[in-house]
Protein backbone atom coordinates (compact mmCIF):
# COMPACT_ATOMS: atom_id res chain seq x y z
CA MET A 1 115.46 69.02 91.01
CA SER A 2 113.54 72.00 91.91
CA LYS A 3 115.18 74.86 93.48
CA ILE A 4 112.81 77.20 95.61
CA PRO A 5 114.75 80.11 96.32
CA ARG A 6 113.22 83.27 98.81
CA THR A 7 113.13 86.62 98.25
CA VAL A 8 111.07 89.81 99.16
CA CYS A 9 108.10 91.12 96.84
CA PRO A 10 109.06 94.39 95.86
CA PHE A 11 105.75 95.48 94.30
CA CYS A 12 104.43 97.40 96.95
CA ASN A 13 106.04 98.84 100.55
CA LEU A 14 104.88 95.71 102.67
CA GLY A 15 107.49 93.84 101.36
CA CYS A 16 105.98 90.63 101.68
CA GLU A 17 108.12 87.30 101.47
CA LEU A 18 107.11 84.43 98.50
CA GLY A 19 109.43 81.85 96.79
CA PHE A 20 109.60 80.42 93.25
CA GLU A 21 110.03 76.99 92.07
CA VAL A 22 112.64 76.98 89.85
CA LYS A 23 114.57 74.50 87.45
CA GLY A 24 117.84 75.49 86.18
CA ARG A 25 117.06 78.67 84.66
CA ASP A 26 113.30 77.65 84.41
CA ILE A 27 110.50 79.60 86.63
CA ARG A 28 108.06 76.98 87.45
CA GLY A 29 105.70 79.11 89.45
CA VAL A 30 105.29 80.89 92.65
CA ASP A 31 106.17 79.09 96.16
CA TYR A 32 104.12 80.51 99.63
CA VAL A 33 106.22 80.95 102.17
CA SER A 34 104.21 80.31 105.30
CA ASP A 35 107.08 80.97 107.88
CA SER A 36 106.74 84.31 106.75
CA ARG A 37 105.90 87.16 108.00
CA ASN A 38 102.78 87.16 105.69
CA GLU A 39 102.10 83.86 106.37
CA GLY A 40 101.98 82.99 102.69
CA ARG A 41 99.50 85.21 101.67
CA LEU A 42 99.97 87.44 98.32
CA CYS A 43 97.89 90.08 96.77
CA ALA A 44 97.21 89.43 93.17
CA LYS A 45 100.54 91.10 92.14
CA GLY A 46 102.83 88.54 94.54
CA ASN A 47 100.96 85.90 93.14
CA ALA A 48 101.70 86.59 89.20
CA ALA A 49 105.54 87.38 90.44
CA ALA A 50 106.13 84.10 88.37
CA GLU A 51 104.10 85.14 85.22
CA ILE A 52 105.82 88.80 85.11
CA ALA A 53 109.04 87.07 85.21
CA ASN A 54 108.31 84.51 82.33
CA HIS A 55 105.81 87.50 80.52
CA ARG A 56 105.66 86.88 76.55
CA LYS A 57 106.20 91.12 76.67
CA ARG A 58 109.55 91.04 78.50
CA LEU A 59 112.19 92.86 76.48
CA TYR A 60 115.26 90.66 76.42
CA HIS A 61 117.30 92.86 74.22
CA PRO A 62 118.03 96.66 73.34
CA VAL A 63 116.35 98.89 70.73
CA ILE A 64 118.43 102.10 69.04
CA LYS A 65 115.97 103.91 67.15
CA GLY A 66 113.27 100.94 66.65
CA LYS A 67 116.07 98.29 65.95
CA GLN A 68 117.01 95.22 67.89
CA ALA A 69 120.75 96.01 69.28
CA SER A 70 123.33 93.86 71.26
CA LEU A 71 123.94 94.99 74.71
CA ALA A 72 127.33 96.09 74.15
CA GLU A 73 126.10 98.35 70.91
CA ALA A 74 123.51 99.73 73.29
CA ILE A 75 125.92 101.01 75.86
CA GLY A 76 128.49 102.07 73.57
CA TYR A 77 125.84 103.87 71.88
CA LEU A 78 124.43 105.41 75.30
CA ARG A 79 128.28 106.47 75.97
CA GLN A 80 129.15 108.43 72.61
CA ARG A 81 125.23 110.50 72.86
CA LEU A 82 125.80 111.80 76.12
CA THR A 83 129.31 112.99 75.06
CA ASP A 84 127.00 115.21 72.19
CA PHE A 85 125.54 116.92 75.11
CA LYS A 86 127.31 119.47 78.35
CA PRO A 87 126.90 117.82 82.15
CA GLU A 88 123.94 120.54 83.06
CA GLU A 89 121.95 119.53 79.48
CA VAL A 90 121.82 115.72 81.09
CA LEU A 91 118.94 115.07 83.36
CA VAL A 92 119.43 110.87 84.78
CA VAL A 93 116.56 109.77 86.17
CA TYR A 94 115.38 106.82 88.50
CA ASP A 95 112.44 105.00 90.10
CA ALA A 96 111.61 102.67 92.51
CA SER A 97 112.52 99.59 90.87
CA LEU A 98 116.30 100.47 91.74
CA THR A 99 117.93 98.91 95.07
CA PHE A 100 119.78 101.34 97.69
CA GLU A 101 123.07 99.70 96.49
CA GLU A 102 121.77 100.73 92.55
CA ILE A 103 121.36 104.51 93.21
CA GLY A 104 124.29 104.75 95.22
CA PHE A 105 125.80 103.41 92.06
CA LEU A 106 123.78 106.18 89.92
CA ALA A 107 124.85 108.71 92.28
CA ALA A 108 128.46 108.38 92.43
CA TRP A 109 128.18 107.60 88.48
CA ALA A 110 126.53 111.18 88.06
CA ARG A 111 129.05 112.68 90.66
CA GLU A 112 132.22 111.62 88.67
CA ALA A 113 130.57 112.08 85.39
CA GLY A 114 129.55 116.13 86.59
CA TYR A 115 125.58 115.77 85.98
CA GLU A 116 123.89 117.36 88.36
CA ASN A 117 121.81 114.96 91.32
CA PRO A 118 119.80 112.29 89.76
CA ALA A 119 116.36 113.37 89.49
CA TYR A 120 113.46 110.60 91.32
CA VAL A 121 110.54 109.73 90.19
CA THR A 122 107.25 108.27 91.51
CA PHE A 123 103.75 106.87 90.15
CA GLY A 124 101.32 108.49 91.83
CA PRO A 125 100.42 110.15 95.07
CA GLU A 126 103.50 107.79 96.96
CA SER A 127 105.22 110.99 95.99
CA ALA A 128 103.48 112.71 99.28
CA PHE A 129 104.96 109.69 101.44
CA LEU A 130 108.04 111.24 100.98
CA TYR A 131 107.28 114.13 103.48
CA GLY A 132 108.24 113.46 107.17
CA LYS A 133 109.66 110.11 107.94
CA LEU A 134 107.63 107.20 109.02
CA PRO A 135 108.51 104.51 112.24
CA VAL A 136 108.84 101.34 111.23
CA THR A 137 106.01 99.41 111.86
CA SER A 138 105.37 95.93 113.17
CA VAL A 139 102.39 93.11 112.58
CA GLU A 140 102.28 92.97 116.12
CA LYS A 141 100.87 96.52 115.95
CA ILE A 142 98.59 95.87 113.33
CA THR A 143 96.99 92.37 114.40
CA THR A 144 96.65 93.46 118.19
CA GLY A 145 94.59 97.02 117.56
CA GLU A 146 90.91 97.76 118.31
CA TYR A 147 90.33 99.29 115.17
CA ALA A 148 91.41 100.38 111.71
CA PHE A 149 90.57 103.48 109.80
CA ILE A 150 91.44 102.72 106.36
CA VAL A 151 91.48 105.70 103.65
CA GLY A 152 90.54 104.56 100.48
CA ASP A 153 90.27 101.10 98.84
CA ALA A 154 92.88 98.79 100.79
CA PHE A 155 91.43 95.96 100.36
CA GLY A 156 91.10 96.01 96.46
CA GLN A 157 95.00 97.80 95.84
CA ASP A 158 96.88 95.99 97.89
CA SER A 159 94.87 93.16 99.52
CA VAL A 160 97.17 91.25 101.73
CA ILE A 161 96.63 94.30 105.01
CA SER A 162 93.00 93.06 104.73
CA GLY A 163 94.55 89.31 106.12
CA TYR A 164 96.63 91.29 108.65
CA ILE A 165 93.30 93.36 109.45
CA ALA A 166 90.65 90.28 109.86
CA LYS A 167 93.42 88.91 112.42
CA ALA A 168 92.63 91.61 114.49
CA LYS A 169 88.92 91.51 113.87
CA GLY A 170 89.23 87.62 114.71
CA ASP A 171 90.97 87.83 117.60
CA ASN A 172 88.45 90.67 119.09
CA ARG A 173 84.94 91.17 118.66
CA GLU A 174 84.92 94.75 119.67
CA PHE A 175 87.48 95.53 116.44
CA ARG A 176 85.81 98.38 114.28
CA TYR A 177 86.34 99.11 110.78
CA ILE A 178 86.35 102.86 109.90
CA VAL A 179 86.74 103.66 106.04
CA LEU A 180 86.49 107.29 104.32
CA ASP A 181 86.26 107.32 100.94
CA SER A 182 83.89 109.08 98.03
CA PHE A 183 82.21 106.15 96.85
CA GLU A 184 81.44 102.29 97.94
CA THR A 185 84.52 99.56 97.42
CA ASN A 186 85.74 96.19 98.65
CA THR A 187 86.85 98.07 101.48
CA SER A 188 83.76 100.30 102.58
CA HIS A 189 81.24 97.27 102.39
CA PHE A 190 83.48 95.98 105.61
CA ALA A 191 82.67 99.32 107.25
CA HIS A 192 81.19 99.56 111.09
CA ARG A 193 81.41 103.06 109.96
CA PHE A 194 81.39 104.63 106.15
CA VAL A 195 82.27 108.00 106.16
CA GLN A 196 81.46 109.16 102.55
CA VAL A 197 83.51 112.41 101.57
CA ARG A 198 82.43 114.69 98.11
CA PRO A 199 84.98 113.39 95.57
CA GLY A 200 88.70 114.60 95.87
CA TYR A 201 88.12 115.90 99.73
CA GLU A 202 89.59 112.74 101.64
CA GLY A 203 92.53 115.04 103.00
CA LEU A 204 90.49 117.88 104.36
CA PHE A 205 88.22 115.58 106.36
CA LEU A 206 91.28 113.72 107.87
CA TYR A 207 92.35 117.51 108.26
CA GLY A 208 89.70 118.72 110.31
CA LEU A 209 89.51 115.34 112.03
CA TYR A 210 93.07 115.96 113.16
CA LYS A 211 92.14 119.67 114.35
CA HIS A 212 89.19 118.14 116.00
CA VAL A 213 91.48 115.48 118.26
CA ALA A 214 94.05 117.82 118.85
CA ASN A 215 91.70 120.44 120.14
CA GLN A 216 92.75 122.93 118.38
CA LYS A 217 90.23 125.87 116.78
CA VAL A 218 89.19 125.16 113.68
CA ASN A 219 85.98 126.12 111.67
CA LEU A 220 84.18 122.29 111.77
CA ASP A 221 81.00 123.78 109.90
CA SER A 222 82.71 124.80 107.04
CA ILE A 223 84.91 121.84 106.32
CA ALA A 224 81.87 119.40 106.66
CA GLU A 225 79.85 121.27 104.15
CA VAL A 226 82.43 121.25 101.59
CA CYS A 227 83.69 117.49 102.56
CA GLY A 228 79.43 116.80 101.61
CA VAL A 229 79.23 115.36 105.66
CA GLU A 230 77.37 116.10 109.06
CA ALA A 231 79.48 118.24 111.49
CA SER A 232 78.88 115.66 114.05
CA SER A 233 80.78 113.10 111.87
CA PHE A 234 84.50 114.37 113.25
CA GLU A 235 83.33 113.41 116.67
CA ALA A 236 81.74 109.99 115.81
CA VAL A 237 84.93 109.37 114.37
CA ALA A 238 87.21 110.52 116.62
CA THR A 239 85.13 108.96 119.83
CA MET A 240 85.93 105.24 118.06
CA ILE A 241 89.73 105.85 117.59
CA ARG A 242 90.64 108.14 120.99
CA ASN A 243 92.56 105.97 123.67
CA LYS A 244 92.68 102.89 121.62
CA ASP A 245 95.24 100.78 119.73
CA GLY A 246 94.72 101.24 116.24
CA ILE A 247 96.14 101.74 112.76
CA LEU A 248 95.54 104.44 110.03
CA VAL A 249 95.85 102.95 106.72
CA ASN A 250 95.91 105.40 103.55
CA ALA A 251 95.84 103.20 100.36
CA PRO A 252 95.58 106.56 97.52
CA ALA A 253 94.98 106.13 93.96
CA ARG A 254 96.05 108.54 91.30
CA GLY A 255 93.41 110.57 89.98
CA ARG A 256 91.17 110.33 93.24
CA SER A 257 92.31 113.67 95.14
CA PHE A 258 92.52 116.74 94.75
CA ASP A 259 95.72 117.26 97.02
CA PRO A 260 97.00 114.18 98.59
CA PHE A 261 99.98 115.80 100.37
CA LEU A 262 97.10 117.13 102.64
CA THR A 263 95.76 113.80 103.15
CA HIS A 264 99.42 112.17 103.68
CA ALA A 265 100.15 115.20 106.23
CA ALA A 266 97.21 115.41 107.79
CA SER A 267 97.30 111.50 108.72
CA LEU A 268 100.99 112.19 110.29
CA LYS A 269 99.80 114.59 111.93
CA LEU A 270 96.84 112.67 113.23
CA SER A 271 99.17 109.56 113.62
CA GLN A 272 101.28 111.95 116.01
CA THR A 273 98.64 113.54 118.28
CA LEU A 274 97.48 110.24 118.65
CA GLU A 275 99.78 108.20 120.51
CA GLN A 276 98.50 104.36 120.19
CA MET A 277 98.03 105.39 116.50
CA ARG A 278 100.68 103.86 114.13
CA TYR A 279 100.31 105.00 110.42
CA LEU A 280 100.58 102.76 107.10
CA PRO A 281 100.89 104.44 104.12
CA LEU A 282 100.27 101.92 101.11
CA GLY A 283 101.17 101.74 97.98
CA HIS A 284 104.05 101.94 95.27
CA ARG A 285 107.59 101.77 97.28
CA VAL A 286 108.99 104.91 96.68
CA PRO A 287 112.83 105.63 95.65
CA GLY A 288 115.37 105.47 98.73
CA ARG A 289 117.51 108.23 97.44
CA VAL A 290 115.60 111.49 97.31
CA THR A 291 117.32 114.30 95.68
CA ARG A 292 115.03 116.00 93.35
CA SER A 293 111.70 115.45 91.70
CA PHE A 294 111.74 114.71 87.93
CA TYR A 295 108.70 116.94 87.46
CA SER A 296 110.47 119.63 88.90
CA TYR A 297 112.30 119.57 86.09
CA LEU A 298 109.82 119.96 83.45
CA PRO A 299 109.96 124.02 83.12
CA MET A 300 113.88 122.91 81.94
CA LEU A 301 112.80 120.25 79.54
CA MET A 302 109.87 122.26 77.86
CA GLY A 303 112.52 125.30 77.63
CA GLY A 304 114.85 123.51 75.90
CA ARG A 305 117.49 123.38 78.89
CA ILE A 306 117.61 119.84 79.53
CA LYS A 307 118.60 118.22 75.96
CA ALA A 308 118.89 114.65 76.74
CA VAL A 309 116.68 112.15 79.67
CA VAL A 310 118.30 109.07 80.48
CA SER A 311 116.11 106.89 82.97
CA PHE A 312 117.68 103.59 84.40
CA GLY A 313 114.32 102.53 85.89
CA ALA A 314 112.07 100.24 84.64
CA TYR A 315 109.16 101.29 84.46
CA PHE A 316 109.63 105.15 83.52
CA PRO A 317 108.26 106.79 81.35
CA TRP A 318 105.78 103.91 80.41
CA ASN A 319 103.57 104.60 83.03
CA HIS A 320 103.38 108.30 82.49
CA PRO A 321 101.35 108.73 79.20
CA GLN A 322 100.99 112.29 79.81
CA LEU A 323 104.96 113.13 79.56
CA LYS A 324 105.20 112.18 75.35
CA PRO A 325 104.70 115.37 74.45
CA VAL A 326 107.26 116.86 77.28
CA LEU A 327 110.09 114.10 76.11
CA ARG A 328 109.97 115.09 72.57
CA LYS A 329 111.09 118.93 74.11
CA ALA A 330 114.20 116.55 74.05
CA GLU A 331 116.82 115.63 71.70
CA PHE A 332 117.90 112.50 73.17
CA VAL A 333 115.92 110.11 75.53
CA ALA A 334 116.88 106.93 76.53
CA ALA A 335 114.95 104.80 79.15
CA GLY A 336 115.07 101.53 80.88
CA SER A 337 112.09 98.83 80.67
CA LEU A 338 110.61 95.62 81.76
CA PHE A 339 108.23 95.11 78.91
CA ILE A 340 108.33 95.54 75.32
CA PRO A 341 107.20 99.43 74.30
CA ASP A 342 103.80 99.44 72.45
CA GLY A 343 104.72 102.62 70.83
CA ARG A 344 103.51 105.01 73.64
CA PHE A 345 106.90 106.16 73.40
CA GLU A 346 109.42 106.63 70.48
CA LEU A 347 112.64 106.95 72.37
CA GLU A 348 116.13 106.63 70.92
CA LEU A 349 117.03 103.71 73.25
CA VAL A 350 115.50 101.54 75.41
CA LEU A 351 117.56 98.99 77.52
CA PRO A 352 116.00 95.69 78.89
CA MET A 353 116.05 95.85 82.56
CA ALA A 354 116.16 93.38 85.36
CA ALA A 355 112.95 92.88 87.26
CA GLU A 356 113.12 93.62 91.35
CA ILE A 357 112.47 90.09 91.93
CA GLU A 358 115.45 88.67 89.68
CA LYS A 359 117.72 91.19 91.75
CA GLN A 360 120.26 91.41 94.48
CA GLY A 361 120.17 94.40 96.92
CA SER A 362 118.34 95.99 99.93
CA ILE A 363 114.96 97.69 99.38
CA LEU A 364 112.66 99.91 102.25
CA THR A 365 109.38 98.39 103.16
CA LEU A 366 107.17 99.62 106.01
CA PHE A 367 108.84 97.15 108.13
CA GLY A 368 111.74 98.14 107.79
CA GLU A 369 114.68 97.48 105.42
CA ALA A 370 114.20 93.75 103.21
CA LYS A 371 116.91 92.33 101.60
CA LEU A 372 116.13 90.87 97.37
CA THR A 373 118.23 87.91 97.34
CA GLY A 374 118.96 87.92 93.44
CA GLU A 375 118.66 84.07 93.14
CA LEU A 376 115.87 83.81 91.03
CA PRO A 377 117.71 83.95 87.44
CA ALA A 378 117.35 87.24 85.59
CA LEU A 379 115.95 87.33 81.91
CA SER A 380 118.57 86.73 79.69
CA GLY A 381 119.85 89.46 77.88
CA SER A 382 118.27 91.78 80.92
CA LEU A 383 120.64 93.51 83.37
CA PRO A 384 120.33 95.61 86.46
CA ALA A 385 120.28 99.56 86.64
CA GLY A 386 123.37 98.69 88.95
CA GLU A 387 125.17 96.87 86.06
CA TYR A 388 124.15 99.02 82.98
CA ILE A 389 126.12 101.89 85.27
CA LYS A 390 129.08 100.09 85.94
CA ARG A 391 129.57 99.26 82.06
CA LEU A 392 129.33 102.59 81.46
CA GLY A 393 132.26 103.25 83.52
CA GLY A 394 130.56 104.08 86.63
CA PRO A 395 133.08 103.63 90.26
CA MET A 396 132.97 100.66 91.32
CA LYS A 397 132.27 101.67 94.85
CA PRO A 398 128.93 103.54 95.23
CA VAL A 399 128.44 106.36 97.55
CA GLU A 400 127.04 106.00 100.84
CA PHE A 401 123.56 105.08 100.85
CA ARG A 402 120.98 107.35 103.22
CA VAL A 403 116.93 107.56 103.75
CA GLY A 404 116.23 110.71 102.03
CA ASN A 405 113.13 112.46 103.30
CA HIS A 406 112.07 115.80 102.38
CA GLU A 407 110.92 117.96 105.52
CA ALA A 408 107.70 117.14 106.72
CA LEU A 409 104.94 119.72 106.04
CA ASP A 410 104.84 122.52 109.11
CA GLU A 411 101.66 123.54 110.74
CA ALA A 412 101.41 126.63 108.58
CA ALA A 413 101.85 124.46 105.28
CA ILE A 414 98.92 122.23 106.35
CA ASP A 415 96.84 124.85 107.18
CA GLU A 416 97.78 127.07 103.81
CA ARG A 417 96.87 123.54 101.75
CA ALA A 418 93.50 123.37 103.93
CA GLU A 419 92.52 127.12 103.48
CA ALA A 420 93.21 126.50 99.50
CA LEU A 421 90.87 123.18 99.32
CA LEU A 422 87.74 124.75 101.25
CA SER A 423 88.11 127.12 98.32
CA TYR A 424 89.06 125.00 95.46
CA LYS A 425 86.87 125.02 92.44
CA ALA A 426 87.83 121.98 89.92
CA LYS A 427 87.97 123.31 86.27
CA ARG A 428 84.51 122.79 85.22
CA ARG A 429 83.78 123.71 81.37
CA ARG A 430 80.45 123.87 79.92
CA GLY A 431 79.04 120.13 79.29
CA ARG A 432 81.48 118.43 81.13
CA ASP A 433 79.08 117.36 83.89
CA TYR A 434 81.13 114.30 84.90
CA LEU A 435 83.70 114.49 87.73
CA LEU A 436 86.25 111.93 86.39
CA LEU A 437 87.85 109.59 89.02
CA GLY A 438 90.85 106.97 89.21
CA ALA A 439 90.97 103.81 90.87
CA GLN A 440 93.79 101.22 90.70
CA SER A 441 93.53 97.45 91.38
CA ALA A 442 96.48 95.20 92.50
CA ILE A 443 95.94 92.88 89.14
CA GLY A 444 96.35 95.70 86.94
CA PHE A 445 99.65 96.03 87.01
CA LEU A 446 100.99 98.32 84.18
CA SER A 447 98.35 96.52 81.94
CA ILE A 448 100.31 93.64 81.17
CA PHE A 449 97.55 91.02 82.02
CA GLU A 450 93.89 92.58 81.41
CA GLU A 451 93.39 95.68 79.66
CA GLU A 452 90.99 97.45 82.55
CA ASP A 453 88.78 99.17 79.62
CA TRP A 454 85.84 100.11 82.09
CA VAL A 455 83.95 103.24 83.20
CA LYS A 456 82.18 103.01 86.48
CA LEU A 457 78.97 104.81 87.05
CA GLY A 458 76.38 105.01 89.09
CA PRO A 459 72.77 103.81 88.03
CA GLN A 460 70.96 106.85 87.60
CA ASP A 461 73.95 108.52 85.57
CA ALA A 462 73.97 105.15 83.48
CA SER A 463 69.75 105.62 82.79
CA SER A 464 70.06 109.34 82.10
CA LEU A 465 72.69 108.58 79.45
CA GLY A 466 70.57 105.63 78.07
CA VAL A 467 73.07 103.03 78.78
CA LYS A 468 73.17 99.39 80.03
CA ASP A 469 76.03 97.52 81.44
CA LYS A 470 78.99 96.42 79.47
CA GLU A 471 77.83 99.10 76.41
CA GLU A 472 80.29 101.62 74.93
CA VAL A 473 80.46 105.30 76.19
CA GLY A 474 82.55 107.86 74.90
CA ILE A 475 84.69 110.01 77.27
CA GLU A 476 86.36 113.54 76.75
CA THR A 477 88.21 115.64 79.32
CA GLU A 478 90.66 118.87 78.09
CA GLN A 479 93.49 115.89 77.50
CA GLY A 480 92.01 113.77 75.11
CA GLU A 481 89.25 111.26 74.56
CA ALA A 482 88.32 107.36 75.09
CA GLY A 483 85.85 104.67 74.51
CA LEU A 484 85.25 102.70 77.20
CA SER A 485 82.92 99.83 78.66
CA THR A 486 80.35 100.68 80.86
CA ARG A 487 80.30 99.12 84.39
CA ILE A 488 76.82 100.10 86.20
CA GLN A 489 77.76 100.06 90.07
CA PRO A 490 75.34 101.09 93.17
CA GLY A 491 77.58 103.24 95.17
CA ILE A 492 78.94 105.58 92.70
CA PRO A 493 77.79 108.75 93.38
CA SER A 494 75.96 110.55 90.62
CA GLY A 495 77.73 112.94 88.09
CA VAL A 496 80.93 110.92 88.99
CA ALA A 497 82.78 108.16 86.58
CA VAL A 498 85.24 105.85 88.27
CA VAL A 499 88.30 104.97 85.47
CA SER A 500 91.23 102.15 86.00
CA MET A 501 94.49 104.19 86.12
CA ASN A 502 95.92 100.84 85.19
CA HIS A 503 94.64 101.54 81.52
CA GLN A 504 96.99 103.92 79.62
CA PRO A 505 94.13 105.45 77.45
CA SER A 506 91.74 106.21 80.86
CA LEU A 507 95.18 107.13 82.40
CA ALA A 508 95.87 109.51 79.57
CA LEU A 509 92.73 111.69 80.20
CA PHE A 510 93.77 112.76 83.69
CA GLU A 511 95.98 116.19 83.61
CA LEU A 512 99.53 116.00 84.77
CA SER A 513 100.33 118.98 86.78
CA THR A 514 102.86 120.10 89.42
CA ASP A 515 102.34 120.92 93.26
CA SER A 516 103.83 124.19 93.35
CA ALA A 517 105.03 124.46 96.98
CA THR A 518 106.52 120.44 96.85
CA GLY A 519 107.76 120.02 92.86
CA GLU A 520 106.12 116.68 92.91
CA GLY A 521 103.65 115.63 90.00
CA LEU A 522 99.68 115.25 90.25
CA LEU A 523 96.97 113.80 88.67
CA LYS A 524 93.79 115.16 90.25
CA PRO A 525 90.24 114.28 89.01
CA SER A 526 89.24 116.08 86.14
CA TRP A 527 85.95 117.22 84.55
CA SER A 528 84.58 115.06 81.97
CA ARG A 529 82.25 114.87 79.09
CA ILE A 530 80.40 111.41 78.68
CA TRP A 531 78.44 110.17 75.86
CA LYS A 532 76.95 106.43 74.45
CA LYS A 533 78.32 105.55 71.66
């Protein structure tokens, strides 16, 4: 007889409930929990949760120097290798795949071993969400509003949110969609008002809108000119959101904005100014306990002061191809992995990790703390991070958990970022005429379901390049080169090319930099050269 355990979907910060049909240790499929907050709705990642657990590429044994090993051998090897380095030469990394409890065990082990505070890593613009604490939201705040102001392609990335907003629209004929983005998407097609800004400048428009709504002095004409909109756009949007209940949804994608921190900070300020507005930043969950960003250690890695990197996350560094030359500087690198590595990183030790849906513990969502039940059987041979730490000899009692957030950016810091963006000029070399932007769809999850090896171009650019739909083009940036299949899409501005950030060769085209003020990692839009192959 099949058992149907319930748990929380951990793949984004909405924290939807779902179930699994299980017979013995065999996972038969996903069960849709109708009496849940999400009313049984799941996005592409949630629908594929059983396939993720059962995926043919799941890693079920450790790998030491490219050869299969047992769990006991791997833990002994890791323990021995760590003795080769001084505590200050070891960097311990974790990501959002860990539960609160696992992070507590990690912090306790690191403290006892004499290591510095563990470094967290995030996967994209979600790192900006660590700045300023957000109030927990409720479904009622989403479904009873009068408008949804959406930044980015929320419906394409986290489609469950569309069900919540559709309910609000269905119950209120006066409900309005406002969408802010640099090109037309699944979300913008529903907009009653679509504000199309110059690529990369979403944060600057939000900053101007915040200042306008707050009646603070600012040169809207200059902001409008840089954003590529009419100055009247600020008052037009303000009229739609003043004195009304509604939500501001931020759905960021890597490689889409020149300053995602300004986008987030301006969104926070706008929601604080308008008491009836609730702010919802969508995306991957961010780590629960904040210490110091991994990216702030890059100079120490490049300079040889960090000699060993040990990651207990499930996804790092596999979706960071830009880190390959950096990690080569270290003498020893060990990392957990959910899937079999495909050769992008030649690490000394790889540990098979349990998936979040196979864990028991607490995570944080936009709707508050949620519990993973751990009823789904873990893949044989894989362990959760907490179990690895215990077997390494870590304390059996975790340190007390605290939700960590950096201090919110103050008014002066926000003004400074806006001024910098007003005068920002993306590096453009001769012959590189296309600004490369990133897009993220829900189904692309780490490229394990489909290779999104496409580039979207507007009809005018496709014509000038002499390419038809699905013909191959070459793309080159300062970071590298890739061959991609053309997708001609009306609504993509001339001089703009859009690639999938779920596709590793496309992701590798973007430069990884460190934000000087926050120490967080950034992937900005990049100038590229495109030609017909």
